[in-house]
């Protein structure tokens, strides 16, 4: 009978230790999850910033193309006007 009680006590200690370890692992997983969420938010902000830069670059590129076309048109008018 004492052996049964000792076995049960040993099993209880083992299960309690497993429970403590599982709790520690859970806390570590929660910390890791928060770190990953923060990294994800930083990446989302960086993506938004890069998209904004790309939009700005696209607008500037179109403005540059328009300016070049306008310059060619003005140059053509000046050349035509000078030949008359």
Foldseek 3Di string as FASTA:
>chain_A
DVVVVVVVVVVVVVVVVVVVVVVVVVVVVVVVVVVVVVVVVVVVVVVVVVVVVVVVVVVVVVVVVVVVVVVVVVVVVVVVVVVD
